[in-house]
Amino acid sequence: MKVKGNKSPYDGDWTYWASRIGKHPRVRKEVATLLKRQKNQCAHCGLTCQPTDLIDVEHIVPKSQGGDDTLKNKQVLHRHGHESQIAEDIKAASH
């Protein structure tokens, strides 16, 4: 895939570079790898992650339910999506 004509590793768009090549000097390797795997999309809402977004890493299967700490069991999502997911999980667990 070709680099977009106006893109540069120095343009501040770390989500583009992390999702494109799986690394960026300003992004943790884990986050960059997950962004690449998810094609730069939030696992909760499906929207594209932007450089100004707050992004969290979440376990797909919670460790409390036997999930592990491998990348296979992790996903990135927008912070507000992560908070919504936690609220949904708590609600489901209480029923």
C-alpha atoms as a PDB file:
ATOM      1  CA  MET A   1       0.000   0.000   0.000  1.00  0.00           C
ATOM      2  CA  LYS A   2       1.395   3.381  -0.974  1.00  0.00           C
ATOM      3  CA  VAL A   3       1.851   6.185   1.526  1.00  0.00           C
ATOM      4  CA  LYS A   4      -0.695   8.956   1.110  1.00  0.00           C
ATOM      5  CA  GLY A   5       0.870  11.859  -0.788  1.00  0.00           C
ATOM      6  CA  ASN A   6       0.657  14.322   2.085  1.00  0.00           C
ATOM      7  CA  LYS A   7       1.849  11.966   4.849  1.00  0.00           C
ATOM      8  CA  SER A   8       5.135  12.193   6.703  1.00  0.00           C
ATOM      9  CA  PRO A   9       6.296  10.380   9.860  1.00  0.00           C
ATOM     10  CA  TYR A  10       6.786  13.863  11.308  1.00  0.00           C
ATOM     11  CA  ASP A  11       3.260  15.176  10.629  1.00  0.00           C
ATOM     12  CA  GLY A  12       1.936  14.183  14.061  1.00  0.00           C
ATOM     13  CA  ASP A  13      -0.499  11.584  12.722  1.00  0.00           C
ATOM     14  CA  TRP A  14       0.809   8.728  14.861  1.00  0.00           C
ATOM     15  CA  THR A  15      -2.354   6.670  14.386  1.00  0.00           C
ATOM     16  CA  TYR A  16      -1.794   6.560  10.609  1.00  0.00           C
ATOM     17  CA  TRP A  17       1.817   5.422  10.986  1.00  0.00           C
ATOM     18  CA  ALA A  18       1.136   3.024  13.840  1.00  0.00           C
ATOM     19  CA  SER A  19      -1.688   1.371  11.926  1.00  0.00           C
ATOM     20  CA  ARG A  20       0.306   1.370   8.693  1.00  0.00           C
ATOM     21  CA  ILE A  21       3.609  -0.112   9.836  1.00  0.00           C
ATOM     22  CA  GLY A  22       2.924  -1.157  13.434  1.00  0.00           C
ATOM     23  CA  LYS A  23       5.293   1.297  15.049  1.00  0.00           C
ATOM     24  CA  HIS A  24       5.824   4.959  15.793  1.00  0.00           C
ATOM     25  CA  PRO A  25       8.332   6.537  18.184  1.00  0.00           C
ATOM     26  CA  ARG A  26       5.563   8.255  20.200  1.00  0.00           C
ATOM     27  CA  VAL A  27       3.342   5.166  20.563  1.00  0.00           C
ATOM     28  CA  ARG A  28       3.851   2.118  22.771  1.00  0.00           C
ATOM     29  CA  LYS A  29       4.667  -0.936  20.646  1.00  0.00           C
ATOM     30  CA  GLU A  30       1.620  -2.763  22.017  1.00  0.00           C
ATOM     31  CA  VAL A  31      -0.756   0.049  20.980  1.00  0.00           C
ATOM     32  CA  ALA A  32       0.852   0.383  17.537  1.00  0.00           C
ATOM     33  CA  THR A  33       0.597  -3.362  16.940  1.00  0.00           C
ATOM     34  CA  LEU A  34      -3.054  -3.411  17.984  1.00  0.00           C
ATOM     35  CA  LEU A  35      -3.881  -0.362  15.845  1.00  0.00           C
ATOM     36  CA  LYS A  36      -2.333  -2.101  12.859  1.00  0.00           C
ATOM     37  CA  ARG A  37      -4.224  -5.333  13.540  1.00  0.00           C
ATOM     38  CA  GLN A  38      -7.507  -3.444  13.928  1.00  0.00           C
ATOM     39  CA  LYS A  39      -6.879  -1.316  10.834  1.00  0.00           C
ATOM     40  CA  ASN A  40      -6.867   1.807  13.032  1.00  0.00           C
ATOM     41  CA  GLN A  41     -10.439   1.225  14.199  1.00  0.00           C
ATOM     42  CA  CYS A  42     -11.849   1.259  17.717  1.00  0.00           C
ATOM     43  CA  ALA A  43     -12.991  -2.220  18.756  1.00  0.00           C
ATOM     44  CA  HIS A  44     -16.048  -0.750  20.500  1.00  0.00           C
ATOM     45  CA  CYS A  45     -17.494   1.748  18.020  1.00  0.00           C
ATOM     46  CA  GLY A  46     -15.653   0.890  14.795  1.00  0.00           C
ATOM     47  CA  LEU A  47     -14.660   4.498  14.166  1.00  0.00           C
ATOM     48  CA  THR A  48     -11.152   5.431  13.072  1.00  0.00           C
ATOM     49  CA  CYS A  49      -8.775   6.362  15.883  1.00  0.00           C
ATOM     50  CA  GLN A  50      -7.413   9.890  15.507  1.00  0.00           C
ATOM     51  CA  PRO A  51      -4.194  11.374  16.930  1.00  0.00           C
ATOM     52  CA  THR A  52      -6.209  13.535  19.333  1.00  0.00           C
ATOM     53  CA  ASP A  53      -8.238  10.585  20.700  1.00  0.00           C
ATOM     54  CA  LEU A  54      -7.625   9.044  24.089  1.00  0.00           C
ATOM     55  CA  ILE A  55      -7.033   5.345  23.460  1.00  0.00           C
ATOM     56  CA  ASP A  56      -7.091   2.485  25.957  1.00  0.00           C
ATOM     57  CA  VAL A  57      -5.980  -1.135  25.721  1.00  0.00           C
ATOM     58  CA  GLU A  58      -8.524  -3.648  27.014  1.00  0.00           C
ATOM     59  CA  HIS A  59      -8.515  -7.399  27.490  1.00  0.00           C
ATOM     60  CA  ILE A  60     -11.027  -9.146  25.220  1.00  0.00           C
ATOM     61  CA  VAL A  61     -11.525 -11.889  27.804  1.00  0.00           C
ATOM     62  CA  PRO A  62     -10.974 -10.271  31.212  1.00  0.00           C
ATOM     63  CA  LYS A  63      -8.178 -11.712  33.306  1.00  0.00           C
ATOM     64  CA  SER A  64     -10.763 -12.323  36.052  1.00  0.00           C
ATOM     65  CA  GLN A  65     -12.508 -14.705  33.618  1.00  0.00           C
ATOM     66  CA  GLY A  66      -9.358 -16.574  32.626  1.00  0.00           C
ATOM     67  CA  GLY A  67      -8.070 -14.230  29.916  1.00  0.00           C
ATOM     68  CA  ASP A  68      -4.334 -13.821  29.509  1.00  0.00           C
ATOM     69  CA  ASP A  69      -2.010 -10.888  28.872  1.00  0.00           C
ATOM     70  CA  THR A  70      -1.094 -11.798  25.285  1.00  0.00           C
ATOM     71  CA  LEU A  71      -1.717  -9.485  22.347  1.00  0.00           C
ATOM     72  CA  LYS A  72      -4.267 -11.992  21.013  1.00  0.00           C
ATOM     73  CA  ASN A  73      -6.423 -11.140  24.028  1.00  0.00           C
ATOM     74  CA  LYS A  74      -6.105  -7.357  23.771  1.00  0.00           C
ATOM     75  CA  GLN A  75      -7.768  -4.641  21.745  1.00  0.00           C
ATOM     76  CA  VAL A  76      -7.633  -0.862  21.507  1.00  0.00           C
ATOM     77  CA  LEU A  77     -10.629   1.360  21.877  1.00  0.00           C
ATOM     78  CA  HIS A  78     -11.477   4.969  22.477  1.00  0.00           C
ATOM     79  CA  ARG A  79     -11.446   5.865  26.177  1.00  0.00           C
ATOM     80  CA  HIS A  80     -15.180   6.707  26.097  1.00  0.00           C
ATOM     81  CA  GLY A  81     -15.847   3.340  24.439  1.00  0.00           C
ATOM     82  CA  HIS A  82     -13.791   1.595  27.089  1.00  0.00           C
ATOM     83  CA  GLU A  83     -15.798   3.285  29.828  1.00  0.00           C
ATOM     84  CA  SER A  84     -19.053   2.280  28.089  1.00  0.00           C
ATOM     85  CA  GLN A  85     -17.817  -1.306  27.747  1.00  0.00           C
ATOM     86  CA  ILE A  86     -16.942  -1.476  31.449  1.00  0.00           C
ATOM     87  CA  ALA A  87     -20.421  -0.177  32.361  1.00  0.00           C
ATOM     88  CA  GLU A  88     -22.036  -2.783  30.065  1.00  0.00           C
ATOM     89  CA  ASP A  89     -19.905  -5.572  31.585  1.00  0.00           C
ATOM     90  CA  ILE A  90     -20.847  -4.519  35.129  1.00  0.00           C
ATOM     91  CA  LYS A  91     -24.541  -4.377  34.201  1.00  0.00           C
ATOM     92  CA  ALA A  92     -24.400  -7.824  32.564  1.00  0.00           C
ATOM     93  CA  ALA A  93     -22.561  -9.329  35.542  1.00  0.00           C
ATOM     94  CA  SER A  94     -25.159  -8.030  37.997  1.00  0.00           C
ATOM     95  CA  HIS A  95     -28.036  -9.807  36.231  1.00  0.00           C
END
